[in-house]
Protein backbone atom coordinates (compact mmCIF):
# COMPACT_ATOMS: atom_id res chain seq x y z
CA UNK A 1 91.85 135.08 45.88
CA UNK A 2 88.11 134.52 46.19
CA UNK A 3 86.76 137.43 44.30
CA UNK A 4 88.08 139.32 41.23
CA UNK A 5 86.99 142.67 40.16
CA UNK A 6 84.64 141.34 37.48
CA UNK A 7 81.15 140.36 38.67
CA UNK A 8 78.39 139.11 36.23
CA UNK A 9 74.84 139.99 36.27
CA UNK A 10 71.92 137.46 36.57
CA UNK A 11 70.89 138.89 33.17
CA UNK A 12 73.72 136.84 31.63
CA UNK A 13 71.78 133.56 32.26
CA UNK A 14 70.21 132.00 29.16
CA UNK A 15 66.43 132.54 29.19
CA UNK A 16 64.52 129.61 27.73
CA UNK A 17 60.73 129.45 27.64
CA UNK A 18 60.46 132.51 29.86
CA UNK A 19 62.73 131.27 32.68
CA UNK A 20 66.58 131.50 32.94
CA UNK A 21 68.60 128.28 32.83
CA UNK A 22 71.93 127.48 34.25
CA UNK A 23 73.89 125.11 32.04
CA UNK A 24 76.23 122.85 34.14
CA UNK A 25 78.91 121.13 32.16
CA UNK A 26 82.19 119.21 33.01
CA UNK A 27 84.92 121.44 34.14
CA UNK A 28 88.21 121.70 32.11
CA UNK A 29 90.36 122.01 35.25
CA UNK A 30 90.16 122.53 39.00
CA UNK A 31 91.58 125.14 41.31
CA UNK A 32 92.00 125.70 45.07
CA UNK A 33 88.61 127.41 45.22
CA UNK A 34 86.86 124.69 43.21
CA UNK A 35 88.46 122.00 45.28
CA UNK A 36 87.29 123.60 48.52
CA UNK A 37 83.68 123.58 47.12
CA UNK A 38 84.09 120.03 45.84
CA UNK A 39 85.22 118.73 49.20
CA UNK A 40 81.81 119.76 50.49
CA UNK A 41 79.46 119.03 47.57
CA UNK A 42 80.01 118.11 43.95
CA UNK A 43 76.90 120.08 42.93
CA UNK A 44 78.10 123.06 44.75
CA UNK A 45 81.35 122.85 42.84
CA UNK A 46 79.67 122.36 39.62
CA UNK A 47 77.46 125.35 40.09
CA UNK A 48 80.62 127.46 40.84
CA UNK A 49 81.96 126.68 37.31
CA UNK A 50 78.69 127.91 35.76
CA UNK A 51 79.05 131.73 34.85
CA UNK A 52 75.25 132.12 34.90
CA UNK A 53 75.01 131.04 38.50
CA UNK A 54 77.12 133.99 39.71
CA UNK A 55 74.20 136.30 39.23
CA UNK A 56 72.21 134.38 41.89
CA UNK A 57 74.84 134.52 44.58
CA UNK A 58 75.22 137.19 47.15
CA UNK A 59 78.98 137.78 47.58
CA UNK A 60 80.64 138.74 50.80
CA UNK A 61 82.07 142.20 51.55
CA UNK A 62 84.48 140.41 53.86
CA UNK A 63 86.03 138.73 50.80
CA UNK A 64 86.12 142.09 49.12
CA UNK A 65 88.18 143.48 52.03
CA UNK A 66 90.58 140.57 51.52
CA UNK A 67 90.89 141.53 47.79
CA UNK A 68 91.52 145.18 48.65
CA UNK A 69 94.14 144.07 51.27
CA UNK A 70 95.81 141.97 48.61
CA UNK A 71 95.95 144.87 46.10
CA UNK A 72 97.37 147.13 48.76
CA UNK A 73 100.12 144.63 49.80
CA UNK A 74 101.12 144.00 46.21
CA UNK A 75 101.55 147.68 45.72
CA UNK A 76 103.95 147.89 48.57
CA UNK A 77 103.25 151.70 49.26
CA UNK A 78 106.05 153.83 50.64
CA UNK A 79 103.88 155.93 52.99
CA UNK A 80 100.32 156.09 54.48
CA UNK A 81 99.08 158.59 51.93
CA UNK A 82 99.93 156.33 49.05
CA UNK A 83 98.48 153.30 50.91
CA UNK A 84 95.23 155.09 51.45
CA UNK A 85 95.04 155.97 47.71
CA UNK A 86 95.70 152.36 46.73
CA UNK A 87 93.08 151.10 49.20
CA UNK A 88 90.40 153.57 48.00
CA UNK A 89 91.05 152.76 44.42
CA UNK A 90 90.71 149.04 45.08
CA UNK A 91 87.44 149.65 46.98
CA UNK A 92 86.08 151.88 44.13
CA UNK A 93 86.71 149.09 41.57
CA UNK A 94 84.93 146.51 43.77
CA UNK A 95 81.94 148.89 44.07
CA UNK A 96 81.88 149.53 40.30
CA UNK A 97 81.90 145.81 39.65
CA UNK A 98 79.10 145.10 42.23
CA UNK A 99 76.84 147.97 41.19
CA UNK A 100 75.51 145.87 38.16
CA UNK A 101 74.90 142.81 40.21
CA UNK A 102 71.22 142.35 41.27
CA UNK A 103 72.19 141.15 44.81
CA UNK A 104 75.52 142.71 45.43
CA UNK A 105 74.45 146.25 44.75
CA UNK A 106 72.89 146.40 48.23
CA UNK A 107 76.48 146.83 49.48
CA UNK A 108 77.07 150.15 47.80
CA UNK A 109 78.30 151.78 51.02
CA UNK A 110 81.53 150.24 52.26
CA UNK A 111 81.32 152.19 55.45
CA UNK A 112 78.53 149.73 56.41
CA UNK A 113 80.50 146.70 55.71
CA UNK A 114 81.31 144.77 58.94
CA UNK A 115 84.62 145.79 60.28
CA UNK A 116 85.40 148.16 57.27
CA UNK A 117 87.16 150.95 59.07
CA UNK A 118 89.04 148.61 61.49
CA UNK A 119 90.28 146.51 58.50
CA UNK A 120 91.10 149.67 56.42
CA UNK A 121 93.20 151.03 59.29
CA UNK A 122 95.03 147.81 60.02
CA UNK A 123 95.57 147.09 56.35
CA UNK A 124 97.14 150.44 55.63
CA UNK A 125 99.39 150.14 58.76
CA UNK A 126 100.51 146.69 57.79
CA UNK A 127 101.39 147.71 54.34
CA UNK A 128 103.34 150.76 55.53
CA UNK A 129 105.14 149.01 58.38
CA UNK A 130 105.99 146.07 56.18
CA UNK A 131 104.79 142.94 57.87
CA UNK A 132 106.58 140.81 55.19
CA UNK A 133 110.30 140.62 54.58
CA UNK A 134 111.45 142.30 51.37
CA UNK A 135 110.60 140.55 48.20
CA UNK A 136 113.29 138.29 46.70
CA UNK A 137 115.11 139.55 43.67
CA UNK A 138 113.86 138.28 40.34
CA UNK A 139 116.51 135.74 39.26
CA UNK A 140 117.24 134.59 35.84
CA UNK A 141 115.13 131.45 34.92
CA UNK A 142 115.71 130.89 31.24
CA UNK A 143 113.19 133.64 30.24
CA UNK A 144 110.24 131.40 30.76
CA UNK A 145 109.93 130.40 34.56
CA UNK A 146 108.97 133.32 36.81
CA UNK A 147 110.60 132.99 40.30
CA UNK A 148 108.37 135.91 41.66
CA UNK A 149 104.85 136.88 40.90
CA UNK A 150 101.57 138.38 42.12
CA UNK A 151 98.25 137.00 40.95
CA UNK A 152 99.92 135.08 38.08
CA UNK A 153 97.77 132.32 36.45
CA UNK A 154 99.86 129.10 37.02
CA UNK A 155 98.91 125.55 35.91
CA UNK A 156 100.01 122.11 36.93
CA UNK A 157 99.17 118.45 36.54
CA UNK A 158 99.07 118.62 32.80
CA UNK A 159 96.79 121.76 32.97
CA UNK A 160 94.19 120.12 35.11
CA UNK A 161 95.11 122.25 38.14
CA UNK A 162 95.17 126.10 37.94
CA UNK A 163 95.32 128.97 40.38
CA UNK A 164 96.48 132.48 41.08
CA UNK A 165 98.70 132.67 44.16
CA UNK A 166 98.34 135.98 45.94
CA UNK A 167 102.10 136.46 46.01
CA UNK A 168 105.18 134.13 45.68
CA UNK A 169 108.99 134.39 45.35
CA UNK A 170 111.75 131.83 45.42
CA UNK A 171 111.30 131.17 49.13
CA UNK A 172 107.70 131.60 49.97
CA UNK A 173 104.01 131.69 48.95
CA UNK A 174 101.70 134.12 50.65
CA UNK A 175 97.88 134.13 50.95
CA UNK A 176 96.34 137.66 52.11
CA UNK A 177 93.26 137.61 54.38
CA UNK A 178 91.20 140.60 55.69
CA UNK A 179 91.02 138.76 59.08
CA UNK A 180 91.87 135.50 60.75
CA UNK A 181 89.23 133.66 62.73
CA UNK A 182 88.96 133.92 66.45
CA UNK A 183 90.52 130.68 67.79
CA UNK A 184 87.74 130.46 70.24
CA UNK A 185 85.21 130.25 67.41
CA UNK A 186 84.14 126.51 67.01
CA UNK A 187 84.87 126.58 63.28
CA UNK A 188 88.16 128.54 63.43
CA UNK A 189 90.42 125.46 63.07
CA UNK A 190 88.55 124.14 60.01
CA UNK A 191 88.53 127.46 58.35
CA UNK A 192 92.25 127.96 58.92
CA UNK A 193 92.94 124.50 57.66
CA UNK A 194 91.22 125.41 54.53
CA UNK A 195 93.62 128.28 54.04
CA UNK A 196 96.52 125.89 54.54
CA UNK A 197 94.97 123.53 51.94
CA UNK A 198 94.75 126.29 49.46
CA UNK A 199 98.39 127.10 50.05
CA UNK A 200 99.37 123.46 49.55
CA UNK A 201 97.80 123.57 45.97
CA UNK A 202 99.55 126.91 45.39
CA UNK A 203 102.91 125.36 46.31
CA UNK A 204 102.34 122.62 43.72
CA UNK A 205 101.55 125.24 41.02
CA UNK A 206 104.63 127.14 41.79
CA UNK A 207 106.74 124.04 42.11
CA UNK A 208 105.75 122.77 38.65
CA UNK A 209 106.19 126.27 37.13
CA UNK A 210 109.43 127.41 38.68
CA UNK A 211 110.90 125.98 41.92
CA UNK A 212 109.32 124.78 45.16
CA UNK A 213 108.83 127.40 47.93
CA UNK A 214 110.05 126.52 51.34
CA UNK A 215 107.61 128.44 53.39
CA UNK A 216 103.77 129.07 53.25
CA UNK A 217 102.37 132.17 54.92
CA UNK A 218 98.87 133.46 55.80
CA UNK A 219 98.94 137.25 56.34
CA UNK A 220 96.09 139.21 57.91
CA UNK A 221 95.37 142.84 57.70
CA UNK A 222 95.89 143.07 61.43
CA UNK A 223 99.59 142.22 60.88
CA UNK A 224 99.16 138.66 62.09
CA UNK A 225 101.30 136.16 60.17
CA UNK A 226 100.86 132.40 60.29
CA UNK A 227 103.84 130.39 58.85
CA UNK A 228 104.41 126.85 57.96
CA UNK A 229 107.21 124.95 56.22
CA UNK A 230 106.04 123.51 52.79
CA UNK A 231 105.54 119.77 53.18
CA UNK A 232 106.07 118.71 49.61
CA UNK A 233 104.56 115.16 50.04
CA UNK A 234 101.39 116.55 51.59
CA UNK A 235 101.06 119.17 48.79
CA UNK A 236 101.51 116.55 46.10
CA UNK A 237 98.78 114.43 47.92
CA UNK A 238 96.48 117.41 48.04
CA UNK A 239 96.92 118.06 44.27
CA UNK A 240 96.34 114.45 43.35
CA UNK A 241 93.09 114.44 45.48
CA UNK A 242 91.93 117.70 43.82
CA UNK A 243 92.55 116.33 40.41
CA UNK A 244 90.81 113.04 41.27
CA UNK A 245 87.80 115.06 42.53
CA UNK A 246 87.59 116.96 39.21
CA UNK A 247 87.67 113.55 37.28
CA UNK A 248 84.98 112.12 39.57
CA UNK A 249 82.68 115.13 39.13
CA UNK A 250 83.18 115.17 35.32
CA UNK A 251 82.51 111.40 35.14
CA UNK A 252 79.30 111.81 37.15
CA UNK A 253 78.19 114.62 34.77
CA UNK A 254 79.12 112.58 31.77
CA UNK A 255 76.89 109.74 33.01
CA UNK A 256 74.03 112.15 33.10
CA UNK A 257 73.86 112.71 36.90
CA UNK A 258 71.57 115.48 38.04
CA UNK A 259 71.38 117.57 41.16
CA UNK A 260 70.10 114.60 43.32
CA UNK A 261 73.02 112.43 42.44
CA UNK A 262 75.72 115.26 42.70
CA UNK A 263 74.52 116.84 45.92
CA UNK A 264 75.63 115.88 49.40
CA UNK A 265 73.24 117.98 51.58
CA UNK A 266 73.89 118.43 55.29
CA UNK A 267 73.99 121.22 57.95
CA UNK A 268 77.71 121.74 57.36
CA UNK A 269 77.59 121.30 53.57
CA UNK A 270 74.57 123.60 53.06
CA UNK A 271 74.92 125.93 56.00
CA UNK A 272 77.12 128.47 54.34
CA UNK A 273 76.43 127.53 50.65
CA UNK A 274 75.86 130.58 48.56
CA UNK A 275 73.80 128.49 46.02
CA UNK A 276 70.87 127.56 48.32
CA UNK A 277 68.26 129.62 46.53
CA UNK A 278 68.77 127.82 43.20
CA UNK A 279 69.74 124.30 44.45
CA UNK A 280 66.83 121.68 44.07
CA UNK A 281 68.55 119.27 46.26
CA UNK A 282 68.86 121.69 49.12
CA UNK A 283 65.06 122.38 49.20
CA UNK A 284 64.32 118.59 48.88
CA UNK A 285 66.65 117.95 51.82
CA UNK A 286 64.99 120.81 53.94
CA UNK A 287 61.60 119.18 53.38
CA UNK A 288 62.71 115.65 54.23
CA UNK A 289 64.64 116.94 57.32
CA UNK A 290 61.72 118.99 58.74
CA UNK A 291 63.62 122.24 57.92
CA UNK A 292 66.88 121.69 59.72
CA UNK A 293 68.62 124.17 62.12
CA UNK A 294 70.87 126.26 59.99
CA UNK A 295 72.97 129.21 61.46
CA UNK A 296 71.25 131.39 58.79
CA UNK A 297 67.79 129.79 58.35
CA UNK A 298 66.10 129.17 54.97
CA UNK A 299 62.35 128.81 54.37
CA UNK A 300 59.87 128.42 51.76
CA UNK A 301 56.16 129.55 51.70
CA UNK A 302 53.52 131.63 50.00
CA UNK A 303 52.58 135.25 50.20
CA UNK A 304 49.36 135.86 52.10
CA UNK A 305 49.50 139.67 52.33
CA UNK A 306 51.47 142.55 50.92
CA UNK A 307 51.87 146.00 52.50
CA UNK A 308 53.63 148.24 49.89
CA UNK A 309 54.74 150.81 52.52
CA UNK A 310 54.76 154.59 52.24
CA UNK A 311 58.43 155.55 51.72
CA UNK A 312 59.17 153.74 48.49
CA UNK A 313 61.76 151.57 50.09
CA UNK A 314 60.48 149.75 53.16
CA UNK A 315 57.60 147.30 52.66
CA UNK A 316 56.24 144.06 54.15
CA UNK A 317 55.01 140.75 53.09
CA UNK A 318 53.17 138.15 55.20
CA UNK A 319 54.29 134.65 54.47
CA UNK A 320 52.98 131.28 55.32
CA UNK A 321 56.08 129.19 55.69
CA UNK A 322 56.50 125.43 55.27
CA UNK A 323 57.72 123.22 58.15
CA UNK A 324 58.79 124.19 61.58
CA UNK A 325 59.36 127.94 60.44
CA UNK A 326 55.65 128.18 59.84
CA UNK A 327 54.47 126.72 63.17
CA UNK A 328 53.99 130.18 64.66
CA UNK A 329 51.50 131.12 62.00
CA UNK A 330 51.84 133.64 59.18
CA UNK A 331 55.15 135.62 59.37
CA UNK A 332 55.23 139.38 58.60
CA UNK A 333 58.60 140.02 57.07
CA UNK A 334 59.90 143.62 56.75
CA UNK A 335 61.92 144.19 53.59
CA UNK A 336 63.60 146.89 51.67
CA UNK A 337 63.51 147.27 47.91
CA UNK A 338 67.00 148.67 47.90
CA UNK A 339 68.27 145.59 49.67
CA UNK A 340 65.97 142.63 48.97
CA UNK A 341 64.25 143.62 45.63
CA UNK A 342 60.59 144.28 45.12
CA UNK A 343 58.06 141.43 45.64
CA UNK A 344 54.93 143.65 45.71
CA UNK A 345 54.21 142.74 42.14
CA UNK A 346 54.23 138.89 42.69
CA UNK A 347 50.66 138.69 43.91
CA UNK A 348 48.94 136.76 46.61
CA UNK A 349 49.77 133.03 46.58
CA UNK A 350 53.17 133.45 44.97
CA UNK A 351 55.70 130.88 46.12
CA UNK A 352 58.61 132.45 47.80
CA UNK A 353 62.12 131.32 48.94
CA UNK A 354 63.96 133.03 51.83
CA UNK A 355 67.71 132.24 52.29
CA UNK A 356 70.36 133.50 54.79
CA UNK A 357 67.69 134.91 57.19
CA UNK A 358 68.30 135.63 60.79
CA UNK A 359 66.39 134.33 63.86
CA UNK A 360 64.56 136.61 66.19
CA UNK A 361 64.52 135.98 69.91
CA UNK A 362 60.98 134.58 69.59
CA UNK A 363 62.22 131.94 67.10
CA UNK A 364 60.76 133.70 64.08
CA UNK A 365 62.64 134.82 60.96
CA UNK A 366 63.74 138.28 60.06
CA UNK A 367 65.56 139.71 57.10
CA UNK A 368 68.98 141.58 57.31
CA UNK A 369 71.54 142.71 54.83
CA UNK A 370 72.53 139.23 54.02
CA UNK A 371 69.05 137.82 53.50
CA UNK A 372 67.80 137.09 49.90
CA UNK A 373 64.26 136.68 48.98
CA UNK A 374 63.09 135.32 45.61
CA UNK A 375 59.85 134.55 43.91
CA UNK A 376 60.15 130.89 42.78
CA UNK A 377 58.92 131.56 39.26
CA UNK A 378 61.87 133.86 38.61
CA UNK A 379 64.52 131.35 39.70
CA UNK A 380 66.57 129.55 37.10
CA UNK A 381 66.40 125.91 36.25
CA UNK A 382 69.44 123.81 36.12
CA UNK A 383 70.42 122.11 32.93
CA UNK A 384 72.97 119.37 33.09
CA UNK A 385 75.02 118.97 29.86
CA UNK A 386 77.28 115.97 29.11
CA UNK A 387 79.63 117.72 26.70
CA UNK A 388 82.39 119.97 27.85
């Protein structure tokens, strides 16, 4: 699962000389999630292992819906009333965790999450109707090797690979998702393949702990189920690649590599990266590439004017942006304190970074619920440490 109920605040970052620092160290082990990051960019993977970096990441309510769906399916409710209570309790836990996070707290109203009611309705129906066959009985395994589990921490490859399969029994391993991508979407195939890659690693974790599952499944809240036979050689090869990636990343860090050496910037690698705001390599790449076309644009500039607003929430800053995003002249950007934070105290001339913005029809940027805006002097510095 991509998100657990515990979310750390940016205040957890160590503050040195007035600015927070994020210490990046070699990782003790890899996981399906870390391997997915590492396949795109070693710096992105390294940042994902740094606890302090979590406070600078805007998490996705879509992932939270997947978490709630998994909790619901694990509970195996007997009727709709029980299913509703389990769902609502899971959502309440996620909201409580996100309320202390400087960025995630903007999502305090789940009713405004994309597709919330549809996913809730489908998830409850799937849980009650039973889209999965009954769980296999727990069989004797010497008292040490579980043949069935939900979110159990498993390790393999001498402890270098770890993960928590959503659910497994002696026949199958299952991954729960709030939704599956529309097959017509250009990136649907690669996203779904990422799910299968995750399940291949889970199969190895289960196989080294108990016995190999025969079937891997992806279950969506809609009731859609994708099934594949477990290909053991392919799973073993995936695990070997994940461990090799871990060793390569740690070796690079051990040799003193920094962000420029670890990063592999590109439109695919950076386009959905949650660490854009704090990644030096990303901003250097943007400047050298004349600010590339990203699905959610990012920009850098200075504040030229501030309108504090009158209602205590909505305000505006006028930014002079670098590169092609600044070609249309100064950009008035409407923001909300409750969503984007308060930049009115930064002062004119302050350097600003905007990430995960949206594009207006006239080609200029606008801010929405997913947009994050930071003053550069508040952003953390990356500190690379050789020792684990």
